[in-house]
Amino acid sequence: MFAVLKTGGKQYKVQAGDVLRVEKLAAAAGETVQFNEILMVGGDKPVLGAPLVSGAAVQATVIDQIKGEKLIHFVKRRRKHSSKRTKGHRQQLTLLRVTEILASGADKSGVKAAVGAGSVSAAEMAALVAATPAKAPAKKAAAPKAAEAAEKPAKAAAKKPAAAKAEDAKADAPKKAPAKKAAAKKAPAKKAAPKKDAAEKKAAAPKKAAAKPKAAKADKA
């Protein structure tokens, strides 16, 4: 059995158990809503509406309020000008699961009618959002933390004997002899005596020459 329903200006062919996305409805996650605009009911005896099938309805459970795929809207107004604009849009949708198709007796079901979010005031919509239970973050497993806490004392105990062994090895090792002092530096070589000036040598030479004639005179006498 199937039915063709109308919501949000669109038509959907559904069966029990189908999951579909429709334009955003004024309903919180977990609520059951009923679509009363049924255009056709199919099965052994199909019924066509004129335009709607009286007494027929489709009931569904709200799974979540979601957003559609992102659409990029690019506008370039005039050629030879830099007038352009890019913006994105994500349509707000409601995720549903069809639970039951009623061929008749929809008026007496007592289930809340499905109403678009645009037909509801902002205050009512805010109240619906507040009533929706927030998703709790997934708890991390406590077992790994307990295992890490147990491993830490064992690691610390293993490190202590190793440190003690290292200290014992240092104590047993023979002490190194002190390094020899560097040899004393050699005394600087004595400087050579300064040579006499050439002028002094020349002055001494004539005196020796003058002494020779005196000796010659003595020999003659």
C-alpha atoms as a PDB file:
ATOM      1  CA  MET A   1       0.000   0.000   0.000  1.00  0.00           C
ATOM      2  CA  PHE A   2       1.285   3.451  -0.881  1.00  0.00           C
ATOM      3  CA  ALA A   3       0.068   7.023  -0.760  1.00  0.00           C
ATOM      4  CA  VAL A   4       0.870  10.310  -2.452  1.00  0.00           C
ATOM      5  CA  LEU A   5       1.004  13.194   0.029  1.00  0.00           C
ATOM      6  CA  LYS A   6       1.544  16.915  -0.384  1.00  0.00           C
ATOM      7  CA  THR A   7       3.698  19.066   1.911  1.00  0.00           C
ATOM      8  CA  GLY A   8       5.831  22.156   1.403  1.00  0.00           C
ATOM      9  CA  GLY A   9       4.512  22.601  -2.146  1.00  0.00           C
ATOM     10  CA  LYS A  10       5.864  19.181  -3.190  1.00  0.00           C
ATOM     11  CA  GLN A  11       4.403  15.721  -3.663  1.00  0.00           C
ATOM     12  CA  TYR A  12       5.907  12.502  -2.267  1.00  0.00           C
ATOM     13  CA  LYS A  13       5.008   8.883  -2.956  1.00  0.00           C
ATOM     14  CA  VAL A  14       5.582   6.963   0.291  1.00  0.00           C
ATOM     15  CA  GLN A  15       5.146   3.539   1.888  1.00  0.00           C
ATOM     16  CA  ALA A  16       5.329   2.399   5.492  1.00  0.00           C
ATOM     17  CA  GLY A  17       8.954   2.405   6.664  1.00  0.00           C
ATOM     18  CA  ASP A  18      10.219   4.966   4.128  1.00  0.00           C
ATOM     19  CA  VAL A  19      12.614   7.714   5.281  1.00  0.00           C
ATOM     20  CA  LEU A  20      12.216  11.040   3.510  1.00  0.00           C
ATOM     21  CA  ARG A  21      13.290  14.660   3.792  1.00  0.00           C
ATOM     22  CA  VAL A  22      10.625  17.337   3.608  1.00  0.00           C
ATOM     23  CA  GLU A  23      10.553  21.099   4.068  1.00  0.00           C
ATOM     24  CA  LYS A  24      11.055  22.051   7.707  1.00  0.00           C
ATOM     25  CA  LEU A  25       8.093  21.220   9.956  1.00  0.00           C
ATOM     26  CA  ALA A  26       7.149  22.721  13.320  1.00  0.00           C
ATOM     27  CA  ALA A  27       7.900  19.544  15.264  1.00  0.00           C
ATOM     28  CA  ALA A  28      10.604  18.308  17.621  1.00  0.00           C
ATOM     29  CA  ALA A  29      12.629  15.137  17.192  1.00  0.00           C
ATOM     30  CA  GLY A  30      10.710  12.081  18.379  1.00  0.00           C
ATOM     31  CA  GLU A  31       7.237  13.545  17.767  1.00  0.00           C
ATOM     32  CA  THR A  32       4.632  11.853  15.561  1.00  0.00           C
ATOM     33  CA  VAL A  33       2.923  13.999  12.931  1.00  0.00           C
ATOM     34  CA  GLN A  34       0.112  13.338  10.488  1.00  0.00           C
ATOM     35  CA  PHE A  35      -0.149  14.527   6.877  1.00  0.00           C
ATOM     36  CA  ASN A  36      -3.767  15.114   5.953  1.00  0.00           C
ATOM     37  CA  GLU A  37      -3.296  16.316   2.350  1.00  0.00           C
ATOM     38  CA  ILE A  38      -3.415  12.958   0.552  1.00  0.00           C
ATOM     39  CA  LEU A  39      -3.783  13.061  -3.246  1.00  0.00           C
ATOM     40  CA  MET A  40      -3.961   9.313  -3.836  1.00  0.00           C
ATOM     41  CA  VAL A  41      -4.074   6.025  -1.962  1.00  0.00           C
ATOM     42  CA  GLY A  42      -2.801   2.991  -3.889  1.00  0.00           C
ATOM     43  CA  GLY A  43      -3.241  -0.727  -3.276  1.00  0.00           C
ATOM     44  CA  ASP A  44      -5.822  -3.357  -4.209  1.00  0.00           C
ATOM     45  CA  LYS A  45      -8.418  -0.617  -4.675  1.00  0.00           C
ATOM     46  CA  PRO A  46      -6.689   2.645  -5.688  1.00  0.00           C
ATOM     47  CA  VAL A  47      -8.473   5.849  -4.713  1.00  0.00           C
ATOM     48  CA  LEU A  48      -7.878   9.172  -6.442  1.00  0.00           C
ATOM     49  CA  GLY A  49      -8.648  12.422  -4.673  1.00  0.00           C
ATOM     50  CA  ALA A  50     -10.657  15.285  -6.092  1.00  0.00           C
ATOM     51  CA  PRO A  51      -8.360  16.956  -5.251  1.00  0.00           C
ATOM     52  CA  LEU A  52      -7.862  15.199  -1.840  1.00  0.00           C
ATOM     53  CA  VAL A  53      -8.906  11.782  -0.527  1.00  0.00           C
ATOM     54  CA  SER A  54     -11.306  12.334   2.379  1.00  0.00           C
ATOM     55  CA  GLY A  55     -10.425  10.549   5.630  1.00  0.00           C
ATOM     56  CA  ALA A  56      -6.985   9.420   4.406  1.00  0.00           C
ATOM     57  CA  ALA A  57      -3.715  10.369   6.110  1.00  0.00           C
ATOM     58  CA  VAL A  58      -0.054   9.419   6.477  1.00  0.00           C
ATOM     59  CA  GLN A  59       1.585   9.291   9.904  1.00  0.00           C
ATOM     60  CA  ALA A  60       5.340   9.697  10.391  1.00  0.00           C
ATOM     61  CA  THR A  61       7.860  10.107  13.210  1.00  0.00           C
ATOM     62  CA  VAL A  62      10.309  13.025  13.210  1.00  0.00           C
ATOM     63  CA  ILE A  63      13.910  11.780  13.311  1.00  0.00           C
ATOM     64  CA  ASP A  64      15.783  15.104  13.268  1.00  0.00           C
ATOM     65  CA  GLN A  65      15.893  18.669  11.964  1.00  0.00           C
ATOM     66  CA  ILE A  66      18.685  18.837   9.358  1.00  0.00           C
ATOM     67  CA  LYS A  67      20.102  21.010   6.576  1.00  0.00           C
ATOM     68  CA  GLY A  68      20.407  20.145   2.905  1.00  0.00           C
ATOM     69  CA  GLU A  69      23.470  20.280   0.670  1.00  0.00           C
ATOM     70  CA  LYS A  70      25.201  23.625   0.251  1.00  0.00           C
ATOM     71  CA  LEU A  71      24.220  25.499  -2.910  1.00  0.00           C
ATOM     72  CA  ILE A  72      26.470  28.210  -4.399  1.00  0.00           C
ATOM     73  CA  HIS A  73      24.614  31.203  -5.853  1.00  0.00           C
ATOM     74  CA  PHE A  74      26.785  33.318  -8.180  1.00  0.00           C
ATOM     75  CA  VAL A  75      25.437  36.541  -9.700  1.00  0.00           C
ATOM     76  CA  LYS A  76      27.211  38.656 -12.327  1.00  0.00           C
ATOM     77  CA  ARG A  77      25.067  41.661 -13.186  1.00  0.00           C
ATOM     78  CA  ARG A  78      26.753  43.384 -16.148  1.00  0.00           C
ATOM     79  CA  ARG A  79      29.547  42.600 -18.565  1.00  0.00           C
ATOM     80  CA  LYS A  80      32.690  44.760 -18.499  1.00  0.00           C
ATOM     81  CA  HIS A  81      32.007  45.536 -14.857  1.00  0.00           C
ATOM     82  CA  SER A  82      33.203  43.972 -11.611  1.00  0.00           C
ATOM     83  CA  SER A  83      29.667  43.725 -10.241  1.00  0.00           C
ATOM     84  CA  LYS A  84      29.349  40.131  -8.981  1.00  0.00           C
ATOM     85  CA  ARG A  85      28.346  38.291  -5.827  1.00  0.00           C
ATOM     86  CA  THR A  86      28.743  34.768  -4.458  1.00  0.00           C
ATOM     87  CA  LYS A  87      26.745  33.347  -1.580  1.00  0.00           C
ATOM     88  CA  GLY A  88      25.896  29.917  -0.235  1.00  0.00           C
ATOM     89  CA  HIS A  89      22.623  28.455   1.015  1.00  0.00           C
ATOM     90  CA  ARG A  90      21.598  25.329   2.937  1.00  0.00           C
ATOM     91  CA  GLN A  91      17.890  24.581   3.035  1.00  0.00           C
ATOM     92  CA  GLN A  92      16.427  23.603   6.417  1.00  0.00           C
ATOM     93  CA  LEU A  93      14.719  20.211   6.254  1.00  0.00           C
ATOM     94  CA  THR A  94      12.975  17.673   8.492  1.00  0.00           C
ATOM     95  CA  LEU A  95      13.940  14.010   8.406  1.00  0.00           C
ATOM     96  CA  LEU A  96      10.943  11.660   8.769  1.00  0.00           C
ATOM     97  CA  ARG A  97      10.188   7.948   8.919  1.00  0.00           C
ATOM     98  CA  VAL A  98       6.708   6.897   7.678  1.00  0.00           C
ATOM     99  CA  THR A  99       5.014   4.663  10.234  1.00  0.00           C
ATOM    100  CA  GLU A 100       1.454   4.143   8.942  1.00  0.00           C
ATOM    101  CA  ILE A 101      -0.878   4.911   6.032  1.00  0.00           C
ATOM    102  CA  LEU A 102      -4.559   5.394   6.885  1.00  0.00           C
ATOM    103  CA  ALA A 103      -7.127   4.928   4.134  1.00  0.00           C
ATOM    104  CA  SER A 104      -9.914   6.255   6.388  1.00  0.00           C
ATOM    105  CA  GLY A 105     -10.575   7.516   9.935  1.00  0.00           C
ATOM    106  CA  ALA A 106      -7.842  10.126   9.959  1.00  0.00           C
ATOM    107  CA  ASP A 107     -10.090  12.626  11.752  1.00  0.00           C
ATOM    108  CA  LYS A 108     -10.355  10.412  14.842  1.00  0.00           C
ATOM    109  CA  SER A 109      -6.636   9.476  15.146  1.00  0.00           C
ATOM    110  CA  GLY A 110      -5.796  12.346  17.515  1.00  0.00           C
ATOM    111  CA  VAL A 111      -2.267  12.749  16.076  1.00  0.00           C
ATOM    112  CA  LYS A 112      -0.794  16.236  15.669  1.00  0.00           C
ATOM    113  CA  ALA A 113      -1.123  17.612  12.116  1.00  0.00           C
ATOM    114  CA  ALA A 114       2.093  18.343  10.229  1.00  0.00           C
ATOM    115  CA  VAL A 115       2.524  22.113   9.896  1.00  0.00           C
ATOM    116  CA  GLY A 116       5.320  23.928   8.076  1.00  0.00           C
ATOM    117  CA  ALA A 117       7.756  25.956  10.157  1.00  0.00           C
ATOM    118  CA  GLY A 118       6.882  29.068   8.129  1.00  0.00           C
ATOM    119  CA  SER A 119       3.279  28.894   9.377  1.00  0.00           C
ATOM    120  CA  VAL A 120       4.325  29.021  13.048  1.00  0.00           C
ATOM    121  CA  SER A 121       5.381  32.086  15.016  1.00  0.00           C
ATOM    122  CA  ALA A 122       8.992  32.527  16.089  1.00  0.00           C
ATOM    123  CA  ALA A 123       8.082  32.068  19.780  1.00  0.00           C
ATOM    124  CA  GLU A 124       6.397  28.714  19.125  1.00  0.00           C
ATOM    125  CA  MET A 125       9.325  27.560  17.003  1.00  0.00           C
ATOM    126  CA  ALA A 126      11.798  28.535  19.747  1.00  0.00           C
ATOM    127  CA  ALA A 127       9.744  26.543  22.257  1.00  0.00           C
ATOM    128  CA  LEU A 128       9.871  23.489  19.974  1.00  0.00           C
ATOM    129  CA  VAL A 129      13.644  23.797  19.616  1.00  0.00           C
ATOM    130  CA  ALA A 130      14.041  24.088  23.383  1.00  0.00           C
ATOM    131  CA  ALA A 131      11.901  20.980  23.870  1.00  0.00           C
ATOM    132  CA  THR A 132      14.135  18.962  21.549  1.00  0.00           C
ATOM    133  CA  PRO A 133      16.580  16.924  23.674  1.00  0.00           C
ATOM    134  CA  ALA A 134      20.200  17.851  23.061  1.00  0.00           C
ATOM    135  CA  LYS A 135      22.512  15.108  21.877  1.00  0.00           C
ATOM    136  CA  ALA A 136      24.838  14.048  24.703  1.00  0.00           C
ATOM    137  CA  PRO A 137      28.503  13.715  23.729  1.00  0.00           C
ATOM    138  CA  ALA A 138      29.764  10.165  23.608  1.00  0.00           C
ATOM    139  CA  LYS A 139      31.546   9.143  26.830  1.00  0.00           C
ATOM    140  CA  LYS A 140      35.119   7.999  26.500  1.00  0.00           C
ATOM    141  CA  ALA A 141      35.943   4.522  27.711  1.00  0.00           C
ATOM    142  CA  ALA A 142      37.222   4.536  31.306  1.00  0.00           C
ATOM    143  CA  ALA A 143      39.092   1.224  30.946  1.00  0.00           C
ATOM    144  CA  PRO A 144      42.089   2.664  29.034  1.00  0.00           C
ATOM    145  CA  LYS A 145      42.559   5.347  31.702  1.00  0.00           C
ATOM    146  CA  ALA A 146      42.561   2.732  34.475  1.00  0.00           C
ATOM    147  CA  ALA A 147      45.109   0.654  32.543  1.00  0.00           C
ATOM    148  CA  GLU A 148      47.342   3.715  32.103  1.00  0.00           C
ATOM    149  CA  ALA A 149      47.107   4.504  35.823  1.00  0.00           C
ATOM    150  CA  ALA A 150      48.168   0.917  36.654  1.00  0.00           C
ATOM    151  CA  GLU A 151      51.092   1.055  34.208  1.00  0.00           C
ATOM    152  CA  LYS A 152      52.534   4.304  35.611  1.00  0.00           C
ATOM    153  CA  PRO A 153      53.594   2.884  39.053  1.00  0.00           C
ATOM    154  CA  ALA A 154      55.107  -0.170  37.323  1.00  0.00           C
ATOM    155  CA  LYS A 155      57.144   2.058  34.985  1.00  0.00           C
ATOM    156  CA  ALA A 156      58.303   4.216  37.910  1.00  0.00           C
ATOM    157  CA  ALA A 157      59.377   1.093  39.869  1.00  0.00           C
ATOM    158  CA  ALA A 158      61.304  -0.202  36.853  1.00  0.00           C
ATOM    159  CA  LYS A 159      63.112   3.129  36.422  1.00  0.00           C
ATOM    160  CA  LYS A 160      64.323   3.278  40.079  1.00  0.00           C
ATOM    161  CA  PRO A 161      66.466   0.046  40.006  1.00  0.00           C
ATOM    162  CA  ALA A 162      67.995   1.157  36.722  1.00  0.00           C
ATOM    163  CA  ALA A 163      68.963   4.509  38.250  1.00  0.00           C
ATOM    164  CA  ALA A 164      70.448   2.754  41.326  1.00  0.00           C
ATOM    165  CA  LYS A 165      72.519   0.445  39.086  1.00  0.00           C
ATOM    166  CA  ALA A 166      73.884   3.405  37.184  1.00  0.00           C
ATOM    167  CA  GLU A 167      74.934   5.118  40.434  1.00  0.00           C
ATOM    168  CA  ASP A 168      76.697   1.918  41.671  1.00  0.00           C
ATOM    169  CA  ALA A 169      78.567   1.594  38.389  1.00  0.00           C
ATOM    170  CA  LYS A 170      79.779   5.162  38.702  1.00  0.00           C
ATOM    171  CA  ALA A 171      81.002   4.516  42.303  1.00  0.00           C
ATOM    172  CA  ASP A 172      82.920   1.317  41.305  1.00  0.00           C
ATOM    173  CA  ALA A 173      84.677   2.861  38.321  1.00  0.00           C
ATOM    174  CA  PRO A 174      88.340   3.861  39.106  1.00  0.00           C
ATOM    175  CA  LYS A 175      88.938   7.501  39.395  1.00  0.00           C
ATOM    176  CA  LYS A 176      90.908   9.003  36.543  1.00  0.00           C
ATOM    177  CA  ALA A 177      94.382  10.368  37.345  1.00  0.00           C
ATOM    178  CA  PRO A 178      94.557  14.127  37.366  1.00  0.00           C
ATOM    179  CA  ALA A 179      95.757  15.536  34.099  1.00  0.00           C
ATOM    180  CA  LYS A 180      99.447  16.506  33.977  1.00  0.00           C
ATOM    181  CA  LYS A 181     100.242  20.137  34.227  1.00  0.00           C
ATOM    182  CA  ALA A 182     101.499  21.711  31.091  1.00  0.00           C
ATOM    183  CA  ALA A 183     105.285  21.993  30.820  1.00  0.00           C
ATOM    184  CA  ALA A 184     106.742  25.284  31.917  1.00  0.00           C
ATOM    185  CA  LYS A 185     107.253  27.700  29.135  1.00  0.00           C
ATOM    186  CA  LYS A 186     110.828  28.151  27.914  1.00  0.00           C
ATOM    187  CA  ALA A 187     112.580  31.356  28.919  1.00  0.00           C
ATOM    188  CA  PRO A 188     112.784  33.808  26.084  1.00  0.00           C
ATOM    189  CA  ALA A 189     116.127  33.853  24.269  1.00  0.00           C
ATOM    190  CA  LYS A 190     118.475  36.703  25.147  1.00  0.00           C
ATOM    191  CA  LYS A 191     118.625  39.449  22.659  1.00  0.00           C
ATOM    192  CA  ALA A 192     121.906  39.941  20.816  1.00  0.00           C
ATOM    193  CA  ALA A 193     123.978  42.935  21.886  1.00  0.00           C
ATOM    194  CA  PRO A 194     123.443  45.860  19.621  1.00  0.00           C
ATOM    195  CA  LYS A 195     126.191  46.361  17.058  1.00  0.00           C
ATOM    196  CA  LYS A 196     128.273  49.497  17.197  1.00  0.00           C
ATOM    197  CA  ASP A 197     127.383  52.096  14.794  1.00  0.00           C
ATOM    198  CA  ALA A 198     129.372  52.365  11.599  1.00  0.00           C
ATOM    199  CA  ALA A 199     130.313  55.968  12.516  1.00  0.00           C
ATOM    200  CA  GLU A 200     132.129  54.840  15.685  1.00  0.00           C
ATOM    201  CA  LYS A 201     134.108  52.258  13.666  1.00  0.00           C
ATOM    202  CA  LYS A 202     135.234  54.904  11.199  1.00  0.00           C
ATOM    203  CA  ALA A 203     136.377  57.239  14.011  1.00  0.00           C
ATOM    204  CA  ALA A 204     138.549  54.492  15.575  1.00  0.00           C
ATOM    205  CA  ALA A 205     140.298  53.598  12.275  1.00  0.00           C
ATOM    206  CA  PRO A 206     142.295  56.956  11.814  1.00  0.00           C
ATOM    207  CA  LYS A 207     143.709  56.714  15.376  1.00  0.00           C
ATOM    208  CA  LYS A 208     145.346  53.384  14.581  1.00  0.00           C
ATOM    209  CA  ALA A 209     146.832  54.788  11.354  1.00  0.00           C
ATOM    210  CA  ALA A 210     148.314  57.796  13.207  1.00  0.00           C
ATOM    211  CA  ALA A 211     150.054  55.539  15.745  1.00  0.00           C
ATOM    212  CA  LYS A 212     152.088  53.706  13.065  1.00  0.00           C
ATOM    213  CA  PRO A 213     154.292  56.749  11.995  1.00  0.00           C
ATOM    214  CA  LYS A 214     155.405  57.332  15.579  1.00  0.00           C
ATOM    215  CA  ALA A 215     156.695  53.815  15.760  1.00  0.00           C
ATOM    216  CA  ALA A 216     158.627  54.290  12.507  1.00  0.00           C
ATOM    217  CA  LYS A 217     160.362  57.402  13.877  1.00  0.00           C
ATOM    218  CA  ALA A 218     161.513  55.530  16.919  1.00  0.00           C
ATOM    219  CA  ASP A 219     163.163  52.876  14.753  1.00  0.00           C
ATOM    220  CA  LYS A 220     165.167  55.477  12.818  1.00  0.00           C
ATOM    221  CA  ALA A 221     166.538  57.095  15.931  1.00  0.00           C
END
